Amino acid sequence: METVLRGSRLFDEVVVAVYAEPSKQTLFSAAERLELVEEAVRDLGVTNVRVRSYNRRLTADLAREEGACALIRGLRAVSDFDYELQLAHMNKALAPDVETVVLLASARYSFLSSTIVREVARLGGDVAPWVPRVVAERLSERFGQPHAAVNLPEVLDAEVGADRIAGFMSTDDRVR
């Protein structure tokens, strides 16, 4: 959610699009992931972010449908760069009028992945410092672990991660 929050400060409107059928296996169903993202966005308290799901279509096509001027992506580490570069070039070829904007993750999140967070939760560790409140709670429920509520000012895209969320920004006069 850090990327969503930061994007909401840069653009007039952000659409968080949750892909219903990602290529990698997810812990939560499409409906559950959508619900988690919606609640995490509500917890952020931002009014210029909207959440929607999509399925069986290109992200670039959805961005054009939304009237987006940019796709926003989060970059955690050098290991993400090759994939994100390929994706940015493909999206540019598919939607030349839509730019890709990459936001570097804060240092405190740069080592995380949904796999690591899921494994820590599965083994009974507290993931609250790295994920939205609702995700920490749901992971605790899923793995039968107790959860202590923690409210942090910063949140992350862990299980409902950037690899399963595409953010779209509408045209914004502040970013030209």
C-alpha atoms as a PDB file:
ATOM      1  CA  MET A   1       0.000   0.000   0.000  1.00  0.00           C
ATOM      2  CA  GLU A   2       3.010   2.264   0.266  1.00  0.00           C
ATOM      3  CA  THR A   3       3.013   2.642  -3.519  1.00  0.00           C
ATOM      4  CA  VAL A   4      -0.712   3.439  -3.529  1.00  0.00           C
ATOM      5  CA  LEU A   5      -0.326   6.060  -0.804  1.00  0.00           C
ATOM      6  CA  ARG A   6       2.618   7.715  -2.522  1.00  0.00           C
ATOM      7  CA  GLY A   7       0.853   7.602  -5.889  1.00  0.00           C
ATOM      8  CA  SER A   8      -2.202   9.275  -4.331  1.00  0.00           C
ATOM      9  CA  ARG A   9       0.022  12.204  -3.374  1.00  0.00           C
ATOM     10  CA  LEU A  10       1.331  12.562  -6.933  1.00  0.00           C
ATOM     11  CA  PHE A  11      -1.853  12.182  -8.974  1.00  0.00           C
ATOM     12  CA  ASP A  12      -5.411  13.477  -8.763  1.00  0.00           C
ATOM     13  CA  GLU A  13      -6.864   9.974  -9.043  1.00  0.00           C
ATOM     14  CA  VAL A  14      -5.434   6.486  -8.591  1.00  0.00           C
ATOM     15  CA  VAL A  15      -7.234   3.329  -9.665  1.00  0.00           C
ATOM     16  CA  VAL A  16      -5.912   0.197  -8.002  1.00  0.00           C
ATOM     17  CA  ALA A  17      -6.735  -2.681 -10.326  1.00  0.00           C
ATOM     18  CA  VAL A  18      -6.620  -6.161  -8.809  1.00  0.00           C
ATOM     19  CA  TYR A  19      -6.124  -8.888 -11.406  1.00  0.00           C
ATOM     20  CA  ALA A  20      -8.484 -11.778 -10.729  1.00  0.00           C
ATOM     21  CA  GLU A  21      -6.383 -14.558 -12.288  1.00  0.00           C
ATOM     22  CA  PRO A  22      -2.675 -13.978 -11.699  1.00  0.00           C
ATOM     23  CA  SER A  23      -0.259 -16.513 -13.146  1.00  0.00           C
ATOM     24  CA  LYS A  24       1.157 -17.402  -9.757  1.00  0.00           C
ATOM     25  CA  GLN A  25      -0.808 -19.198  -7.092  1.00  0.00           C
ATOM     26  CA  THR A  26      -2.264 -16.920  -4.438  1.00  0.00           C
ATOM     27  CA  LEU A  27      -3.259 -17.628  -0.852  1.00  0.00           C
ATOM     28  CA  PHE A  28      -6.489 -15.661  -1.170  1.00  0.00           C
ATOM     29  CA  SER A  29      -9.201 -15.875  -3.812  1.00  0.00           C
ATOM     30  CA  ALA A  30      -9.800 -13.018  -6.247  1.00  0.00           C
ATOM     31  CA  ALA A  31     -12.794 -11.841  -4.210  1.00  0.00           C
ATOM     32  CA  GLU A  32     -10.793 -11.974  -0.974  1.00  0.00           C
ATOM     33  CA  ARG A  33      -7.879 -10.050  -2.513  1.00  0.00           C
ATOM     34  CA  LEU A  34     -10.244  -7.377  -3.796  1.00  0.00           C
ATOM     35  CA  GLU A  35     -11.841  -7.077  -0.354  1.00  0.00           C
ATOM     36  CA  LEU A  36      -8.419  -6.861   1.322  1.00  0.00           C
ATOM     37  CA  VAL A  37      -7.273  -4.098  -1.021  1.00  0.00           C
ATOM     38  CA  GLU A  38     -10.518  -2.160  -0.589  1.00  0.00           C
ATOM     39  CA  GLU A  39     -10.234  -2.273   3.199  1.00  0.00           C
ATOM     40  CA  ALA A  40      -6.517  -1.416   3.158  1.00  0.00           C
ATOM     41  CA  VAL A  41      -7.252   1.607   0.950  1.00  0.00           C
ATOM     42  CA  ARG A  42     -10.053   2.693   3.326  1.00  0.00           C
ATOM     43  CA  ASP A  43      -7.572   2.422   6.209  1.00  0.00           C
ATOM     44  CA  LEU A  44      -5.193   4.740   4.336  1.00  0.00           C
ATOM     45  CA  GLY A  45      -7.835   7.447   4.523  1.00  0.00           C
ATOM     46  CA  VAL A  46      -7.218   8.719   0.996  1.00  0.00           C
ATOM     47  CA  THR A  47     -10.186   9.926  -1.026  1.00  0.00           C
ATOM     48  CA  ASN A  48      -8.641   9.900  -4.495  1.00  0.00           C
ATOM     49  CA  VAL A  49      -8.075   6.136  -4.733  1.00  0.00           C
ATOM     50  CA  ARG A  50     -10.573   3.738  -6.259  1.00  0.00           C
ATOM     51  CA  VAL A  51     -10.276  -0.077  -6.318  1.00  0.00           C
ATOM     52  CA  ARG A  52     -11.541  -2.363  -9.064  1.00  0.00           C
ATOM     53  CA  SER A  53     -10.918  -5.866 -10.315  1.00  0.00           C
ATOM     54  CA  TYR A  54     -10.272  -7.018 -13.835  1.00  0.00           C
ATOM     55  CA  ASN A  55      -9.821 -10.292 -15.618  1.00  0.00           C
ATOM     56  CA  ARG A  56      -8.622 -11.806 -18.895  1.00  0.00           C
ATOM     57  CA  ARG A  57      -7.393  -8.608 -20.466  1.00  0.00           C
ATOM     58  CA  LEU A  58      -4.253  -6.587 -20.774  1.00  0.00           C
ATOM     59  CA  THR A  59      -3.399  -4.085 -18.084  1.00  0.00           C
ATOM     60  CA  ALA A  60      -2.556  -1.609 -20.863  1.00  0.00           C
ATOM     61  CA  ASP A  61      -6.092  -1.934 -22.282  1.00  0.00           C
ATOM     62  CA  LEU A  62      -7.610  -1.365 -18.858  1.00  0.00           C
ATOM     63  CA  ALA A  63      -5.393   1.684 -18.350  1.00  0.00           C
ATOM     64  CA  ARG A  64      -6.624   3.177 -21.632  1.00  0.00           C
ATOM     65  CA  GLU A  65     -10.238   2.396 -20.677  1.00  0.00           C
ATOM     66  CA  GLU A  66      -9.687   4.251 -17.394  1.00  0.00           C
ATOM     67  CA  GLY A  67      -8.194   7.240 -19.217  1.00  0.00           C
ATOM     68  CA  ALA A  68      -4.902   6.757 -17.406  1.00  0.00           C
ATOM     69  CA  CYS A  69      -1.839   8.803 -18.209  1.00  0.00           C
ATOM     70  CA  ALA A  70       0.452   6.458 -16.276  1.00  0.00           C
ATOM     71  CA  LEU A  71       0.895   3.011 -14.786  1.00  0.00           C
ATOM     72  CA  ILE A  72       2.562   3.159 -11.405  1.00  0.00           C
ATOM     73  CA  ARG A  73       4.778   0.298 -10.313  1.00  0.00           C
ATOM     74  CA  GLY A  74       6.727  -0.291  -7.129  1.00  0.00           C
ATOM     75  CA  LEU A  75      10.328  -1.434  -7.294  1.00  0.00           C
ATOM     76  CA  ARG A  76      11.749  -3.144  -4.202  1.00  0.00           C
ATOM     77  CA  ALA A  77      15.179  -4.324  -5.249  1.00  0.00           C
ATOM     78  CA  VAL A  78      17.530  -4.764  -8.182  1.00  0.00           C
ATOM     79  CA  SER A  79      16.124  -8.272  -8.605  1.00  0.00           C
ATOM     80  CA  ASP A  80      12.770  -6.705  -9.617  1.00  0.00           C
ATOM     81  CA  PHE A  81      14.328  -4.392 -12.192  1.00  0.00           C
ATOM     82  CA  ASP A  82      14.635  -6.774 -15.167  1.00  0.00           C
ATOM     83  CA  TYR A  83      11.008  -7.847 -14.958  1.00  0.00           C
ATOM     84  CA  GLU A  84       9.741  -4.299 -14.450  1.00  0.00           C
ATOM     85  CA  LEU A  85      11.840  -3.041 -17.370  1.00  0.00           C
ATOM     86  CA  GLN A  86      10.419  -5.717 -19.673  1.00  0.00           C
ATOM     87  CA  LEU A  87       6.905  -4.987 -18.471  1.00  0.00           C
ATOM     88  CA  ALA A  88       7.333  -1.234 -18.962  1.00  0.00           C
ATOM     89  CA  HIS A  89       8.568  -1.721 -22.537  1.00  0.00           C
ATOM     90  CA  MET A  90       5.718  -4.108 -23.370  1.00  0.00           C
ATOM     91  CA  ASN A  91       3.121  -1.760 -21.879  1.00  0.00           C
ATOM     92  CA  LYS A  92       4.618   1.136 -23.847  1.00  0.00           C
ATOM     93  CA  ALA A  93       4.351  -0.897 -27.058  1.00  0.00           C
ATOM     94  CA  LEU A  94       0.728  -1.800 -26.243  1.00  0.00           C
ATOM     95  CA  ALA A  95      -0.303   1.667 -25.015  1.00  0.00           C
ATOM     96  CA  PRO A  96       2.143   4.314 -26.301  1.00  0.00           C
ATOM     97  CA  ASP A  97       0.171   7.119 -24.654  1.00  0.00           C
ATOM     98  CA  VAL A  98       0.494   5.608 -21.144  1.00  0.00           C
ATOM     99  CA  GLU A  99       3.752   6.139 -19.251  1.00  0.00           C
ATOM    100  CA  THR A 100       5.147   3.805 -16.602  1.00  0.00           C
ATOM    101  CA  VAL A 101       6.137   5.530 -13.377  1.00  0.00           C
ATOM    102  CA  VAL A 102       8.318   3.540 -10.988  1.00  0.00           C
ATOM    103  CA  LEU A 103       8.432   4.362  -7.286  1.00  0.00           C
ATOM    104  CA  LEU A 104      11.289   2.894  -5.290  1.00  0.00           C
ATOM    105  CA  ALA A 105      10.179   1.132  -2.131  1.00  0.00           C
ATOM    106  CA  SER A 106      11.247   2.559   1.191  1.00  0.00           C
ATOM    107  CA  ALA A 107      14.307   0.842   2.623  1.00  0.00           C
ATOM    108  CA  ARG A 108      12.207  -0.839   5.321  1.00  0.00           C
ATOM    109  CA  TYR A 109      10.259  -2.722   2.621  1.00  0.00           C
ATOM    110  CA  SER A 110      12.956  -3.377   0.033  1.00  0.00           C
ATOM    111  CA  PHE A 111      13.687  -6.932   1.224  1.00  0.00           C
ATOM    112  CA  LEU A 112      10.081  -8.107   1.388  1.00  0.00           C
ATOM    113  CA  SER A 113       8.027 -10.244  -0.935  1.00  0.00           C
ATOM    114  CA  SER A 114       4.607 -11.821  -0.588  1.00  0.00           C
ATOM    115  CA  THR A 115       6.341 -15.208  -0.291  1.00  0.00           C
ATOM    116  CA  ILE A 116       8.462 -14.081   2.671  1.00  0.00           C
ATOM    117  CA  VAL A 117       5.525 -12.411   4.426  1.00  0.00           C
ATOM    118  CA  ARG A 118       3.325 -15.460   3.889  1.00  0.00           C
ATOM    119  CA  GLU A 119       6.020 -17.796   5.285  1.00  0.00           C
ATOM    120  CA  VAL A 120       6.580 -15.649   8.385  1.00  0.00           C
ATOM    121  CA  ALA A 121       2.808 -15.611   9.000  1.00  0.00           C
ATOM    122  CA  ARG A 122       2.528 -19.367   8.377  1.00  0.00           C
ATOM    123  CA  LEU A 123       5.196 -20.014  11.003  1.00  0.00           C
ATOM    124  CA  GLY A 124       3.469 -17.793  13.578  1.00  0.00           C
ATOM    125  CA  GLY A 125       5.517 -14.622  13.173  1.00  0.00           C
ATOM    126  CA  ASP A 126       3.996 -11.166  13.431  1.00  0.00           C
ATOM    127  CA  VAL A 127       3.789  -9.539   9.984  1.00  0.00           C
ATOM    128  CA  ALA A 128       1.940  -6.419  11.190  1.00  0.00           C
ATOM    129  CA  PRO A 129       4.970  -4.119  10.734  1.00  0.00           C
ATOM    130  CA  TRP A 130       5.014  -4.843   6.989  1.00  0.00           C
ATOM    131  CA  VAL A 131       1.446  -5.314   5.782  1.00  0.00           C
ATOM    132  CA  PRO A 132      -1.874  -3.492   6.065  1.00  0.00           C
ATOM    133  CA  ARG A 133      -3.805  -4.230   9.254  1.00  0.00           C
ATOM    134  CA  VAL A 134      -6.484  -6.211   7.436  1.00  0.00           C
ATOM    135  CA  VAL A 135      -3.894  -8.404   5.690  1.00  0.00           C
ATOM    136  CA  ALA A 136      -2.107  -9.186   8.979  1.00  0.00           C
ATOM    137  CA  GLU A 137      -5.445 -10.109  10.535  1.00  0.00           C
ATOM    138  CA  ARG A 138      -6.494 -12.298   7.604  1.00  0.00           C
ATOM    139  CA  LEU A 139      -3.122 -14.065   7.499  1.00  0.00           C
ATOM    140  CA  SER A 140      -3.419 -14.784  11.220  1.00  0.00           C
ATOM    141  CA  GLU A 141      -6.912 -16.199  10.691  1.00  0.00           C
ATOM    142  CA  ARG A 142      -5.810 -18.265   7.690  1.00  0.00           C
ATOM    143  CA  PHE A 143      -2.883 -19.814   9.561  1.00  0.00           C
ATOM    144  CA  GLY A 144      -4.627 -20.024  12.952  1.00  0.00           C
ATOM    145  CA  GLN A 145      -2.244 -17.653  14.677  1.00  0.00           C
ATOM    146  CA  PRO A 146      -3.141 -14.938  17.192  1.00  0.00           C
ATOM    147  CA  HIS A 147      -2.816 -11.374  15.906  1.00  0.00           C
ATOM    148  CA  ALA A 148      -2.003  -8.293  17.924  1.00  0.00           C
ATOM    149  CA  ALA A 149      -3.451  -5.168  16.306  1.00  0.00           C
ATOM    150  CA  VAL A 150      -0.790  -2.682  15.279  1.00  0.00           C
ATOM    151  CA  ASN A 151      -1.483   0.660  13.621  1.00  0.00           C
ATOM    152  CA  LEU A 152       1.415   1.862  11.547  1.00  0.00           C
ATOM    153  CA  PRO A 153       1.581   5.046   9.508  1.00  0.00           C
ATOM    154  CA  GLU A 154       3.181   3.193   6.595  1.00  0.00           C
ATOM    155  CA  VAL A 155       1.879   0.056   4.953  1.00  0.00           C
ATOM    156  CA  LEU A 156       3.011  -2.323   2.240  1.00  0.00           C
ATOM    157  CA  ASP A 157       1.791  -4.196  -0.797  1.00  0.00           C
ATOM    158  CA  ALA A 158       2.621  -7.646   0.612  1.00  0.00           C
ATOM    159  CA  GLU A 159       0.100 -10.447  -0.033  1.00  0.00           C
ATOM    160  CA  VAL A 160      -2.061  -8.075  -2.027  1.00  0.00           C
ATOM    161  CA  GLY A 161       1.179  -7.040  -3.631  1.00  0.00           C
ATOM    162  CA  ALA A 162       2.348  -4.956  -6.505  1.00  0.00           C
ATOM    163  CA  ASP A 163       2.695  -8.103  -8.578  1.00  0.00           C
ATOM    164  CA  ARG A 164      -1.095  -8.432  -8.371  1.00  0.00           C
ATOM    165  CA  ILE A 165      -2.058  -4.763  -8.391  1.00  0.00           C
ATOM    166  CA  ALA A 166      -1.754  -2.215 -11.137  1.00  0.00           C
ATOM    167  CA  GLY A 167      -2.238   1.428 -10.283  1.00  0.00           C
ATOM    168  CA  PHE A 168      -3.502   3.846 -12.872  1.00  0.00           C
ATOM    169  CA  MET A 169      -3.295   7.581 -12.658  1.00  0.00           C
ATOM    170  CA  SER A 170      -5.570   9.972 -14.448  1.00  0.00           C
ATOM    171  CA  THR A 171      -4.158  13.054 -16.130  1.00  0.00           C
ATOM    172  CA  ASP A 172      -2.898  15.465 -13.516  1.00  0.00           C
ATOM    173  CA  ASP A 173      -1.723  18.994 -14.148  1.00  0.00           C
ATOM    174  CA  ARG A 174       0.738  18.738 -11.240  1.00  0.00           C
ATOM    175  CA  VAL A 175       2.787  16.075 -13.041  1.00  0.00           C
ATOM    176  CA  ARG A 176       3.688  17.380 -16.488  1.00  0.00           C
END
